[in-house]
Amino acid sequence: MLDSLRSEEILKKVGAKLNKRRKAKKLSMRALASLAGVDYSQIDKIEKGRLNCTILTIIAIADALEIPASKLID
């Protein structure tokens, strides 16, 4: 099991990658949430590194961004 410091670091990295990819596509958080079929607040919390979402959510967001999910989590 990951310790809480390592988990926090991972979540922040994923959030930063998501933020970068979203902005590169010139999408608002609300627009991305709509495309991915998730709530806006999830996108906000993921980008801030405050939500440990499911892999299915990551895949839905990656699909909406038209990128492989691995680009967000590698």
C-alpha atoms as a PDB file:
ATOM      1  CA  MET A   1       0.000   0.000   0.000  1.00  0.00           C
ATOM      2  CA  LEU A   2       1.242   3.477  -0.802  1.00  0.00           C
ATOM      3  CA  ASP A   3       1.910   5.828   2.066  1.00  0.00           C
ATOM      4  CA  SER A   4      -0.178   8.996   2.194  1.00  0.00           C
ATOM      5  CA  LEU A   5       2.678  11.279   1.102  1.00  0.00           C
ATOM      6  CA  ARG A   6       3.366   9.165  -2.004  1.00  0.00           C
ATOM      7  CA  SER A   7      -0.369   8.962  -2.772  1.00  0.00           C
ATOM      8  CA  GLU A   8      -0.692  12.735  -2.516  1.00  0.00           C
ATOM      9  CA  GLU A   9       2.266  13.196  -4.858  1.00  0.00           C
ATOM     10  CA  ILE A  10       0.748  10.854  -7.439  1.00  0.00           C
ATOM     11  CA  LEU A  11      -2.646  12.557  -7.310  1.00  0.00           C
ATOM     12  CA  LYS A  12      -1.041  15.977  -7.802  1.00  0.00           C
ATOM     13  CA  LYS A  13       0.969  14.726 -10.805  1.00  0.00           C
ATOM     14  CA  VAL A  14      -2.127  13.237 -12.428  1.00  0.00           C
ATOM     15  CA  GLY A  15      -3.999  16.480 -11.771  1.00  0.00           C
ATOM     16  CA  ALA A  16      -1.246  18.573 -13.318  1.00  0.00           C
ATOM     17  CA  LYS A  17      -1.167  16.352 -16.413  1.00  0.00           C
ATOM     18  CA  LEU A  18      -4.938  16.564 -16.748  1.00  0.00           C
ATOM     19  CA  ASN A  19      -4.856  20.345 -16.404  1.00  0.00           C
ATOM     20  CA  LYS A  20      -2.139  20.649 -19.050  1.00  0.00           C
ATOM     21  CA  ARG A  21      -3.934  18.371 -21.520  1.00  0.00           C
ATOM     22  CA  ARG A  22      -7.303  20.084 -20.945  1.00  0.00           C
ATOM     23  CA  LYS A  23      -5.830  23.523 -21.547  1.00  0.00           C
ATOM     24  CA  ALA A  24      -3.976  22.298 -24.654  1.00  0.00           C
ATOM     25  CA  LYS A  25      -7.375  21.274 -26.055  1.00  0.00           C
ATOM     26  CA  LYS A  26      -8.748  24.705 -25.029  1.00  0.00           C
ATOM     27  CA  LEU A  27     -11.497  23.112 -22.962  1.00  0.00           C
ATOM     28  CA  SER A  28     -13.029  24.501 -19.811  1.00  0.00           C
ATOM     29  CA  MET A  29     -13.462  22.141 -16.880  1.00  0.00           C
ATOM     30  CA  ARG A  30     -17.211  22.180 -17.491  1.00  0.00           C
ATOM     31  CA  ALA A  31     -16.787  21.346 -21.178  1.00  0.00           C
ATOM     32  CA  LEU A  32     -14.446  18.461 -20.386  1.00  0.00           C
ATOM     33  CA  ALA A  33     -16.791  17.180 -17.699  1.00  0.00           C
ATOM     34  CA  SER A  34     -19.664  17.211 -20.183  1.00  0.00           C
ATOM     35  CA  LEU A  35     -17.635  15.374 -22.845  1.00  0.00           C
ATOM     36  CA  ALA A  36     -16.445  12.773 -20.330  1.00  0.00           C
ATOM     37  CA  GLY A  37     -19.838  12.309 -18.691  1.00  0.00           C
ATOM     38  CA  VAL A  38     -18.579  13.199 -15.231  1.00  0.00           C
ATOM     39  CA  ASP A  39     -19.478  15.940 -12.806  1.00  0.00           C
ATOM     40  CA  TYR A  40     -17.614  19.251 -13.083  1.00  0.00           C
ATOM     41  CA  SER A  41     -16.595  19.008  -9.433  1.00  0.00           C
ATOM     42  CA  GLN A  42     -14.746  15.748 -10.180  1.00  0.00           C
ATOM     43  CA  ILE A  43     -12.605  17.448 -12.831  1.00  0.00           C
ATOM     44  CA  ASP A  44     -11.898  20.300 -10.421  1.00  0.00           C
ATOM     45  CA  LYS A  45     -10.906  17.966  -7.575  1.00  0.00           C
ATOM     46  CA  ILE A  46      -8.795  15.711  -9.813  1.00  0.00           C
ATOM     47  CA  GLU A  47      -6.872  18.694 -11.204  1.00  0.00           C
ATOM     48  CA  LYS A  48      -6.215  19.923  -7.671  1.00  0.00           C
ATOM     49  CA  GLY A  49      -4.984  16.477  -6.604  1.00  0.00           C
ATOM     50  CA  ARG A  50      -7.778  16.095  -4.074  1.00  0.00           C
ATOM     51  CA  LEU A  51      -9.696  13.183  -5.578  1.00  0.00           C
ATOM     52  CA  ASN A  52      -8.561   9.607  -6.063  1.00  0.00           C
ATOM     53  CA  CYS A  53     -10.944   8.710  -8.868  1.00  0.00           C
ATOM     54  CA  THR A  54     -11.599   5.343 -10.470  1.00  0.00           C
ATOM     55  CA  ILE A  55      -9.713   4.063 -13.487  1.00  0.00           C
ATOM     56  CA  LEU A  56     -13.004   4.199 -15.406  1.00  0.00           C
ATOM     57  CA  THR A  57     -13.213   7.930 -14.751  1.00  0.00           C
ATOM     58  CA  ILE A  58      -9.627   8.384 -15.958  1.00  0.00           C
ATOM     59  CA  ILE A  59     -10.462   6.441 -19.118  1.00  0.00           C
ATOM     60  CA  ALA A  60     -13.606   8.519 -19.748  1.00  0.00           C
ATOM     61  CA  ILE A  61     -11.626  11.756 -19.318  1.00  0.00           C
ATOM     62  CA  ALA A  62      -8.793  10.511 -21.542  1.00  0.00           C
ATOM     63  CA  ASP A  63     -11.307   9.493 -24.216  1.00  0.00           C
ATOM     64  CA  ALA A  64     -12.858  12.966 -24.061  1.00  0.00           C
ATOM     65  CA  LEU A  65      -9.377  14.466 -24.498  1.00  0.00           C
ATOM     66  CA  GLU A  66      -8.696  12.010 -27.342  1.00  0.00           C
ATOM     67  CA  ILE A  67      -5.563  10.658 -25.667  1.00  0.00           C
ATOM     68  CA  PRO A  68      -4.619   7.284 -24.184  1.00  0.00           C
ATOM     69  CA  ALA A  69      -5.287   7.045 -20.443  1.00  0.00           C
ATOM     70  CA  SER A  70      -1.588   6.270 -19.980  1.00  0.00           C
ATOM     71  CA  LYS A  71      -0.794   9.909 -20.860  1.00  0.00           C
ATOM     72  CA  LEU A  72      -2.496  10.935 -17.621  1.00  0.00           C
ATOM     73  CA  ILE A  73      -1.134   8.270 -15.311  1.00  0.00           C
ATOM     74  CA  ASP A  74       2.342   7.303 -16.527  1.00  0.00           C
END
